[in-house]
Amino acid sequence: PTYGIYTGYEHCEHVARPGAEEHVDNEKYEFK
């Protein structure tokens, strides 16, 4: 019944930081 979407999902943001299962240019550390 409950689900969530992280913004940018609409654009299929799929590029990972090499060697990690997280976004490259991660929004935690910069503006987008």
PDB file of all heavy atoms in Angstrom:
ATOM      1  N   PRO A   1       0.777  -1.236   0.000  1.00  0.00           N
ATOM      2  CA  PRO A   1       0.000   0.000   0.000  1.00  0.00           C
ATOM      3  C   PRO A   1       0.813   1.293   0.000  1.00  0.00           C
ATOM      4  O   PRO A   1       0.306   2.322  -0.419  1.00  0.00           O
ATOM      5  CB  PRO A   1      -0.835  -0.096   1.285  1.00  0.00           C
ATOM      6  CG  PRO A   1      -0.849  -1.535   1.642  1.00  0.00           C
ATOM      7  CD  PRO A   1       0.481  -2.059   1.199  1.00  0.00           C
ATOM      8  N   THR A   2       2.055   1.262   0.506  1.00  0.00           N
ATOM      9  CA  THR A   2       2.872   2.477   0.545  1.00  0.00           C
ATOM     10  C   THR A   2       4.136   2.283  -0.282  1.00  0.00           C
ATOM     11  O   THR A   2       4.830   1.270  -0.139  1.00  0.00           O
ATOM     12  CB  THR A   2       3.259   2.840   1.988  1.00  0.00           C
ATOM     13  OG1 THR A   2       2.109   3.352   2.661  1.00  0.00           O
ATOM     14  CG2 THR A   2       4.336   3.914   2.020  1.00  0.00           C
ATOM     15  N   TYR A   3       4.402   3.243  -1.147  1.00  0.00           N
ATOM     16  CA  TYR A   3       5.641   3.192  -1.919  1.00  0.00           C
ATOM     17  C   TYR A   3       6.178   4.602  -2.072  1.00  0.00           C
ATOM     18  O   TYR A   3       5.492   5.587  -1.777  1.00  0.00           O
ATOM     19  CB  TYR A   3       5.404   2.534  -3.283  1.00  0.00           C
ATOM     20  CG  TYR A   3       4.918   3.460  -4.384  1.00  0.00           C
ATOM     21  CD1 TYR A   3       5.740   3.785  -5.452  1.00  0.00           C
ATOM     22  CD2 TYR A   3       3.634   4.013  -4.361  1.00  0.00           C
ATOM     23  CE1 TYR A   3       5.295   4.626  -6.473  1.00  0.00           C
ATOM     24  CE2 TYR A   3       3.185   4.843  -5.368  1.00  0.00           C
ATOM     25  CZ  TYR A   3       4.017   5.145  -6.423  1.00  0.00           C
ATOM     26  OH  TYR A   3       3.590   5.980  -7.427  1.00  0.00           O
ATOM     27  N   GLY A   4       7.434   4.708  -2.529  1.00  0.00           N
ATOM     28  CA  GLY A   4       8.037   6.018  -2.662  1.00  0.00           C
ATOM     29  C   GLY A   4       8.915   6.129  -3.885  1.00  0.00           C
ATOM     30  O   GLY A   4       9.449   5.132  -4.391  1.00  0.00           O
ATOM     31  N   ILE A   5       9.064   7.342  -4.373  1.00  0.00           N
ATOM     32  CA  ILE A   5       9.869   7.662  -5.553  1.00  0.00           C
ATOM     33  C   ILE A   5      10.851   8.768  -5.174  1.00  0.00           C
ATOM     34  O   ILE A   5      10.466   9.760  -4.541  1.00  0.00           O
ATOM     35  CB  ILE A   5       8.974   8.132  -6.717  1.00  0.00           C
ATOM     36  CG1 ILE A   5       8.093   6.993  -7.221  1.00  0.00           C
ATOM     37  CG2 ILE A   5       9.820   8.702  -7.851  1.00  0.00           C
ATOM     38  CD1 ILE A   5       8.848   5.824  -7.806  1.00  0.00           C
ATOM     39  N   TYR A   6      12.101   8.586  -5.557  1.00  0.00           N
ATOM     40  CA  TYR A   6      13.111   9.629  -5.386  1.00  0.00           C
ATOM     41  C   TYR A   6      13.125  10.487  -6.643  1.00  0.00           C
ATOM     42  O   TYR A   6      13.209   9.973  -7.760  1.00  0.00           O
ATOM     43  CB  TYR A   6      14.474   8.987  -5.125  1.00  0.00           C
ATOM     44  CG  TYR A   6      15.674   9.893  -5.270  1.00  0.00           C
ATOM     45  CD1 TYR A   6      15.685  11.177  -4.717  1.00  0.00           C
ATOM     46  CD2 TYR A   6      16.808   9.467  -5.959  1.00  0.00           C
ATOM     47  CE1 TYR A   6      16.783  12.010  -4.855  1.00  0.00           C
ATOM     48  CE2 TYR A   6      17.928  10.284  -6.096  1.00  0.00           C
ATOM     49  CZ  TYR A   6      17.900  11.557  -5.546  1.00  0.00           C
ATOM     50  OH  TYR A   6      18.994  12.377  -5.681  1.00  0.00           O
ATOM     51  N   THR A   7      13.035  11.791  -6.465  1.00  0.00           N
ATOM     52  CA  THR A   7      12.971  12.704  -7.598  1.00  0.00           C
ATOM     53  C   THR A   7      14.103  12.433  -8.596  1.00  0.00           C
ATOM     54  O   THR A   7      15.231  12.100  -8.212  1.00  0.00           O
ATOM     55  CB  THR A   7      13.026  14.161  -7.111  1.00  0.00           C
ATOM     56  OG1 THR A   7      12.818  15.024  -8.212  1.00  0.00           O
ATOM     57  CG2 THR A   7      14.354  14.478  -6.451  1.00  0.00           C
ATOM     58  N   GLY A   8      13.795  12.583  -9.844  1.00  0.00           N
ATOM     59  CA  GLY A   8      14.718  12.205 -10.906  1.00  0.00           C
ATOM     60  C   GLY A   8      14.397  10.854 -11.487  1.00  0.00           C
ATOM     61  O   GLY A   8      14.893  10.499 -12.567  1.00  0.00           O
ATOM     62  N   TYR A   9      13.569  10.097 -10.782  1.00  0.00           N
ATOM     63  CA  TYR A   9      13.133   8.793 -11.292  1.00  0.00           C
ATOM     64  C   TYR A   9      12.423   8.967 -12.634  1.00  0.00           C
ATOM     65  O   TYR A   9      12.556   8.127 -13.526  1.00  0.00           O
ATOM     66  CB  TYR A   9      12.187   8.154 -10.281  1.00  0.00           C
ATOM     67  CG  TYR A   9      11.927   6.678 -10.495  1.00  0.00           C
ATOM     68  CD1 TYR A   9      12.706   5.722  -9.862  1.00  0.00           C
ATOM     69  CD2 TYR A   9      10.894   6.239 -11.319  1.00  0.00           C
ATOM     70  CE1 TYR A   9      12.465   4.371 -10.041  1.00  0.00           C
ATOM     71  CE2 TYR A   9      10.646   4.891 -11.510  1.00  0.00           C
ATOM     72  CZ  TYR A   9      11.436   3.960 -10.859  1.00  0.00           C
ATOM     73  OH  TYR A   9      11.199   2.611 -11.049  1.00  0.00           O
ATOM     74  N   GLU A  10      11.703  10.092 -12.773  1.00  0.00           N
ATOM     75  CA  GLU A  10      10.989  10.331 -14.026  1.00  0.00           C
ATOM     76  C   GLU A  10      11.933  10.357 -15.224  1.00  0.00           C
ATOM     77  O   GLU A  10      11.542  10.042 -16.346  1.00  0.00           O
ATOM     78  CB  GLU A  10      10.240  11.665 -13.965  1.00  0.00           C
ATOM     79  CG  GLU A  10       9.245  11.784 -12.836  1.00  0.00           C
ATOM     80  CD  GLU A  10       9.819  12.454 -11.609  1.00  0.00           C
ATOM     81  OE1 GLU A  10      10.959  12.108 -11.215  1.00  0.00           O
ATOM     82  OE2 GLU A  10       9.136  13.323 -11.048  1.00  0.00           O
ATOM     83  N   HIS A  11      13.172  10.737 -14.986  1.00  0.00           N
ATOM     84  CA  HIS A  11      14.152  10.856 -16.063  1.00  0.00           C
ATOM     85  C   HIS A  11      15.039   9.617 -16.178  1.00  0.00           C
ATOM     86  O   HIS A  11      16.042   9.640 -16.899  1.00  0.00           O
ATOM     87  CB  HIS A  11      15.030  12.097 -15.843  1.00  0.00           C
ATOM     88  CG  HIS A  11      14.272  13.380 -15.904  1.00  0.00           C
ATOM     89  ND1 HIS A  11      14.777  14.576 -15.421  1.00  0.00           N
ATOM     90  CD2 HIS A  11      13.033  13.670 -16.380  1.00  0.00           C
ATOM     91  CE1 HIS A  11      13.875  15.536 -15.604  1.00  0.00           C
ATOM     92  NE2 HIS A  11      12.822  15.009 -16.179  1.00  0.00           N
ATOM     93  N   CYS A  12      14.687   8.581 -15.460  1.00  0.00           N
ATOM     94  CA  CYS A  12      15.458   7.324 -15.505  1.00  0.00           C
ATOM     95  C   CYS A  12      16.936   7.568 -15.179  1.00  0.00           C
ATOM     96  O   CYS A  12      17.836   7.055 -15.868  1.00  0.00           O
ATOM     97  CB  CYS A  12      15.332   6.630 -16.863  1.00  0.00           C
ATOM     98  SG  CYS A  12      13.650   6.206 -17.316  1.00  0.00           S
ATOM     99  N   GLU A  13      17.203   8.331 -14.131  1.00  0.00           N
ATOM    100  CA  GLU A  13      18.594   8.562 -13.726  1.00  0.00           C
ATOM    101  C   GLU A  13      19.194   7.241 -13.256  1.00  0.00           C
ATOM    102  O   GLU A  13      18.821   6.716 -12.216  1.00  0.00           O
ATOM    103  CB  GLU A  13      18.639   9.617 -12.619  1.00  0.00           C
ATOM    104  CG  GLU A  13      18.175  10.994 -13.090  1.00  0.00           C
ATOM    105  CD  GLU A  13      18.201  12.048 -11.989  1.00  0.00           C
ATOM    106  OE1 GLU A  13      18.576  11.712 -10.845  1.00  0.00           O
ATOM    107  OE2 GLU A  13      17.845  13.208 -12.265  1.00  0.00           O
ATOM    108  N   HIS A  14      20.144   6.723 -14.024  1.00  0.00           N
ATOM    109  CA  HIS A  14      20.588   5.344 -13.818  1.00  0.00           C
ATOM    110  C   HIS A  14      22.100   5.173 -13.782  1.00  0.00           C
ATOM    111  O   HIS A  14      22.593   4.047 -13.638  1.00  0.00           O
ATOM    112  CB  HIS A  14      20.040   4.459 -14.941  1.00  0.00           C
ATOM    113  CG  HIS A  14      20.619   4.786 -16.291  1.00  0.00           C
ATOM    114  ND1 HIS A  14      20.206   5.861 -17.042  1.00  0.00           N
ATOM    115  CD2 HIS A  14      21.602   4.175 -17.000  1.00  0.00           C
ATOM    116  CE1 HIS A  14      20.899   5.893 -18.170  1.00  0.00           C
ATOM    117  NE2 HIS A  14      21.755   4.889 -18.168  1.00  0.00           N
ATOM    118  N   VAL A  15      22.853   6.254 -13.894  1.00  0.00           N
ATOM    119  CA  VAL A  15      24.313   6.126 -13.959  1.00  0.00           C
ATOM    120  C   VAL A  15      24.866   6.101 -12.539  1.00  0.00           C
ATOM    121  O   VAL A  15      24.604   6.998 -11.734  1.00  0.00           O
ATOM    122  CB  VAL A  15      24.936   7.287 -14.754  1.00  0.00           C
ATOM    123  CG1 VAL A  15      26.462   7.129 -14.804  1.00  0.00           C
ATOM    124  CG2 VAL A  15      24.347   7.338 -16.158  1.00  0.00           C
ATOM    125  N   ALA A  16      25.640   5.070 -12.246  1.00  0.00           N
ATOM    126  CA  ALA A  16      26.172   4.886 -10.896  1.00  0.00           C
ATOM    127  C   ALA A  16      27.604   5.385 -10.792  1.00  0.00           C
ATOM    128  O   ALA A  16      28.342   5.438 -11.777  1.00  0.00           O
ATOM    129  CB  ALA A  16      26.119   3.410 -10.516  1.00  0.00           C
ATOM    130  N   ARG A  17      27.963   5.743  -9.572  1.00  0.00           N
ATOM    131  CA  ARG A  17      29.368   6.021  -9.296  1.00  0.00           C
ATOM    132  C   ARG A  17      30.138   4.719  -9.446  1.00  0.00           C
ATOM    133  O   ARG A  17      29.708   3.680  -8.935  1.00  0.00           O
ATOM    134  CB  ARG A  17      29.515   6.590  -7.887  1.00  0.00           C
ATOM    135  CG  ARG A  17      30.936   6.959  -7.489  1.00  0.00           C
ATOM    136  CD  ARG A  17      30.944   7.843  -6.247  1.00  0.00           C
ATOM    137  NE  ARG A  17      30.307   7.214  -5.109  1.00  0.00           N
ATOM    138  CZ  ARG A  17      30.928   6.382  -4.265  1.00  0.00           C
ATOM    139  NH1 ARG A  17      32.217   6.089  -4.439  1.00  0.00           N
ATOM    140  NH2 ARG A  17      30.287   5.867  -3.243  1.00  0.00           N
ATOM    141  N   PRO A  18      31.246   4.714 -10.150  1.00  0.00           N
ATOM    142  CA  PRO A  18      31.966   3.461 -10.390  1.00  0.00           C
ATOM    143  C   PRO A  18      32.233   2.686  -9.108  1.00  0.00           C
ATOM    144  O   PRO A  18      32.714   3.237  -8.111  1.00  0.00           O
ATOM    145  CB  PRO A  18      33.276   3.928 -11.037  1.00  0.00           C
ATOM    146  CG  PRO A  18      32.910   5.214 -11.725  1.00  0.00           C
ATOM    147  CD  PRO A  18      31.893   5.860 -10.821  1.00  0.00           C
ATOM    148  N   GLY A  19      31.862   1.399  -9.125  1.00  0.00           N
ATOM    149  CA  GLY A  19      32.099   0.527  -7.993  1.00  0.00           C
ATOM    150  C   GLY A  19      31.103   0.659  -6.869  1.00  0.00           C
ATOM    151  O   GLY A  19      31.301   0.066  -5.801  1.00  0.00           O
ATOM    152  N   ALA A  20      30.029   1.423  -7.071  1.00  0.00           N
ATOM    153  CA  ALA A  20      29.057   1.640  -5.999  1.00  0.00           C
ATOM    154  C   ALA A  20      27.641   1.454  -6.534  1.00  0.00           C
ATOM    155  O   ALA A  20      27.386   1.619  -7.729  1.00  0.00           O
ATOM    156  CB  ALA A  20      29.208   3.037  -5.405  1.00  0.00           C
ATOM    157  N   GLU A  21      26.731   1.119  -5.637  1.00  0.00           N
ATOM    158  CA  GLU A  21      25.317   1.031  -5.995  1.00  0.00           C
ATOM    159  C   GLU A  21      24.617   2.318  -5.587  1.00  0.00           C
ATOM    160  O   GLU A  21      23.638   2.327  -4.856  1.00  0.00           O
ATOM    161  CB  GLU A  21      24.652  -0.175  -5.314  1.00  0.00           C
ATOM    162  CG  GLU A  21      25.061  -1.505  -5.889  1.00  0.00           C
ATOM    163  CD  GLU A  21      24.200  -2.653  -5.373  1.00  0.00           C
ATOM    164  OE1 GLU A  21      23.148  -2.397  -4.742  1.00  0.00           O
ATOM    165  OE2 GLU A  21      24.573  -3.814  -5.594  1.00  0.00           O
ATOM    166  N   GLU A  22      25.161   3.431  -6.061  1.00  0.00           N
ATOM    167  CA  GLU A  22      24.526   4.719  -5.805  1.00  0.00           C
ATOM    168  C   GLU A  22      24.798   5.645  -6.975  1.00  0.00           C
ATOM    169  O   GLU A  22      25.693   5.406  -7.791  1.00  0.00           O
ATOM    170  CB  GLU A  22      25.012   5.343  -4.496  1.00  0.00           C
ATOM    171  CG  GLU A  22      26.475   5.688  -4.466  1.00  0.00           C
ATOM    172  CD  GLU A  22      26.890   6.310  -3.138  1.00  0.00           C
ATOM    173  OE1 GLU A  22      26.484   5.794  -2.074  1.00  0.00           O
ATOM    174  OE2 GLU A  22      27.631   7.318  -3.169  1.00  0.00           O
ATOM    175  N   HIS A  23      24.026   6.707  -7.074  1.00  0.00           N
ATOM    176  CA  HIS A  23      24.104   7.607  -8.212  1.00  0.00           C
ATOM    177  C   HIS A  23      25.463   8.292  -8.298  1.00  0.00           C
ATOM    178  O   HIS A  23      26.052   8.676  -7.284  1.00  0.00           O
ATOM    179  CB  HIS A  23      23.027   8.686  -8.105  1.00  0.00           C
ATOM    180  CG  HIS A  23      21.631   8.145  -8.126  1.00  0.00           C
ATOM    181  ND1 HIS A  23      20.917   7.956  -9.287  1.00  0.00           N
ATOM    182  CD2 HIS A  23      20.808   7.748  -7.123  1.00  0.00           C
ATOM    183  CE1 HIS A  23      19.716   7.472  -8.997  1.00  0.00           C
ATOM    184  NE2 HIS A  23      19.626   7.335  -7.688  1.00  0.00           N
ATOM    185  N   VAL A  24      25.949   8.443  -9.515  1.00  0.00           N
ATOM    186  CA  VAL A  24      27.111   9.283  -9.727  1.00  0.00           C
ATOM    187  C   VAL A  24      26.675  10.732  -9.565  1.00  0.00           C
ATOM    188  O   VAL A  24      25.501  11.058  -9.747  1.00  0.00           O
ATOM    189  CB  VAL A  24      27.725   9.032 -11.125  1.00  0.00           C
ATOM    190  CG1 VAL A  24      26.851   9.598 -12.235  1.00  0.00           C
ATOM    191  CG2 VAL A  24      29.151   9.562 -11.206  1.00  0.00           C
ATOM    192  N   ASP A  25      27.617  11.597  -9.197  1.00  0.00           N
ATOM    193  CA  ASP A  25      27.283  12.998  -8.941  1.00  0.00           C
ATOM    194  C   ASP A  25      26.101  13.077  -7.981  1.00  0.00           C
ATOM    195  O   ASP A  25      25.102  13.774  -8.212  1.00  0.00           O
ATOM    196  CB  ASP A  25      26.959  13.732 -10.249  1.00  0.00           C
ATOM    197  CG  ASP A  25      28.127  13.689 -11.234  1.00  0.00           C
ATOM    198  OD1 ASP A  25      29.282  13.650 -10.770  1.00  0.00           O
ATOM    199  OD2 ASP A  25      27.875  13.670 -12.448  1.00  0.00           O
ATOM    200  N   ASN A  26      26.246  12.356  -6.893  1.00  0.00           N
ATOM    201  CA  ASN A  26      25.145  12.169  -5.946  1.00  0.00           C
ATOM    202  C   ASN A  26      24.647  13.501  -5.406  1.00  0.00           C
ATOM    203  O   ASN A  26      25.426  14.367  -5.008  1.00  0.00           O
ATOM    204  CB  ASN A  26      25.614  11.273  -4.794  1.00  0.00           C
ATOM    205  CG  ASN A  26      24.473  10.733  -3.972  1.00  0.00           C
ATOM    206  OD1 ASN A  26      23.677  11.477  -3.438  1.00  0.00           O
ATOM    207  ND2 ASN A  26      24.401   9.416  -3.874  1.00  0.00           N
ATOM    208  N   GLU A  27      23.330  13.625  -5.393  1.00  0.00           N
ATOM    209  CA  GLU A  27      22.694  14.854  -4.943  1.00  0.00           C
ATOM    210  C   GLU A  27      22.958  15.154  -3.473  1.00  0.00           C
ATOM    211  O   GLU A  27      22.772  16.286  -3.017  1.00  0.00           O
ATOM    212  CB  GLU A  27      21.187  14.766  -5.206  1.00  0.00           C
ATOM    213  CG  GLU A  27      20.449  16.079  -5.134  1.00  0.00           C
ATOM    214  CD  GLU A  27      19.020  15.962  -5.618  1.00  0.00           C
ATOM    215  OE1 GLU A  27      18.598  14.843  -5.987  1.00  0.00           O
ATOM    216  OE2 GLU A  27      18.326  16.992  -5.622  1.00  0.00           O
ATOM    217  N   LYS A  28      23.407  14.158  -2.716  1.00  0.00           N
ATOM    218  CA  LYS A  28      23.761  14.421  -1.321  1.00  0.00           C
ATOM    219  C   LYS A  28      24.921  15.403  -1.207  1.00  0.00           C
ATOM    220  O   LYS A  28      25.106  16.037  -0.158  1.00  0.00           O
ATOM    221  CB  LYS A  28      24.147  13.118  -0.608  1.00  0.00           C
ATOM    222  CG  LYS A  28      22.991  12.245  -0.229  1.00  0.00           C
ATOM    223  CD  LYS A  28      23.351  11.261   0.860  1.00  0.00           C
ATOM    224  CE  LYS A  28      24.504  10.369   0.487  1.00  0.00           C
ATOM    225  NZ  LYS A  28      24.785   9.366   1.549  1.00  0.00           N
ATOM    226  N   TYR A  29      25.728  15.513  -2.272  1.00  0.00           N
ATOM    227  CA  TYR A  29      26.955  16.304  -2.179  1.00  0.00           C
ATOM    228  C   TYR A  29      27.006  17.470  -3.166  1.00  0.00           C
ATOM    229  O   TYR A  29      28.000  18.191  -3.208  1.00  0.00           O
ATOM    230  CB  TYR A  29      28.162  15.396  -2.422  1.00  0.00           C
ATOM    231  CG  TYR A  29      28.155  14.170  -1.548  1.00  0.00           C
ATOM    232  CD1 TYR A  29      27.839  12.921  -2.075  1.00  0.00           C
ATOM    233  CD2 TYR A  29      28.410  14.258  -0.184  1.00  0.00           C
ATOM    234  CE1 TYR A  29      27.805  11.790  -1.265  1.00  0.00           C
ATOM    235  CE2 TYR A  29      28.376  13.137   0.627  1.00  0.00           C
ATOM    236  CZ  TYR A  29      28.071  11.907   0.078  1.00  0.00           C
ATOM    237  OH  TYR A  29      28.032  10.792   0.883  1.00  0.00           O
ATOM    238  N   GLU A  30      25.946  17.668  -3.946  1.00  0.00           N
ATOM    239  CA  GLU A  30      25.959  18.772  -4.905  1.00  0.00           C
ATOM    240  C   GLU A  30      24.529  19.141  -5.301  1.00  0.00           C
ATOM    241  O   GLU A  30      23.580  18.429  -4.986  1.00  0.00           O
ATOM    242  CB  GLU A  30      26.768  18.403  -6.147  1.00  0.00           C
ATOM    243  CG  GLU A  30      26.218  17.201  -6.904  1.00  0.00           C
ATOM    244  CD  GLU A  30      27.096  16.847  -8.101  1.00  0.00           C
ATOM    245  OE1 GLU A  30      26.865  17.436  -9.178  1.00  0.00           O
ATOM    246  OE2 GLU A  30      27.993  16.005  -7.940  1.00  0.00           O
ATOM    247  N   PHE A  31      24.408  20.245  -5.959  1.00  0.00           N
ATOM    248  CA  PHE A  31      23.108  20.670  -6.470  1.00  0.00           C
ATOM    249  C   PHE A  31      22.796  19.935  -7.771  1.00  0.00           C
ATOM    250  O   PHE A  31      23.695  19.513  -8.490  1.00  0.00           O
ATOM    251  CB  PHE A  31      23.110  22.183  -6.762  1.00  0.00           C
ATOM    252  CG  PHE A  31      23.340  23.047  -5.556  1.00  0.00           C
ATOM    253  CD1 PHE A  31      24.582  23.638  -5.329  1.00  0.00           C
ATOM    254  CD2 PHE A  31      22.317  23.294  -4.654  1.00  0.00           C
ATOM    255  CE1 PHE A  31      24.795  24.453  -4.229  1.00  0.00           C
ATOM    256  CE2 PHE A  31      22.523  24.109  -3.550  1.00  0.00           C
ATOM    257  CZ  PHE A  31      23.764  24.687  -3.339  1.00  0.00           C
ATOM    258  N   LYS A  32      21.505  19.840  -8.076  1.00  0.00           N
ATOM    259  CA  LYS A  32      21.083  19.321  -9.375  1.00  0.00           C
ATOM    260  C   LYS A  32      19.966  20.209  -9.909  1.00  0.00           C
ATOM    261  O   LYS A  32      19.050  20.569  -9.170  1.00  0.00           O
ATOM    262  CB  LYS A  32      20.567  17.885  -9.272  1.00  0.00           C
ATOM    263  CG  LYS A  32      21.645  16.825  -9.290  1.00  0.00           C
ATOM    264  CD  LYS A  32      21.029  15.429  -9.385  1.00  0.00           C
ATOM    265  CE  LYS A  32      22.102  14.346  -9.376  1.00  0.00           C
ATOM    266  NZ  LYS A  32      22.936  14.382 -10.564  1.00  0.00           N
TER     267      LYS A  32
END
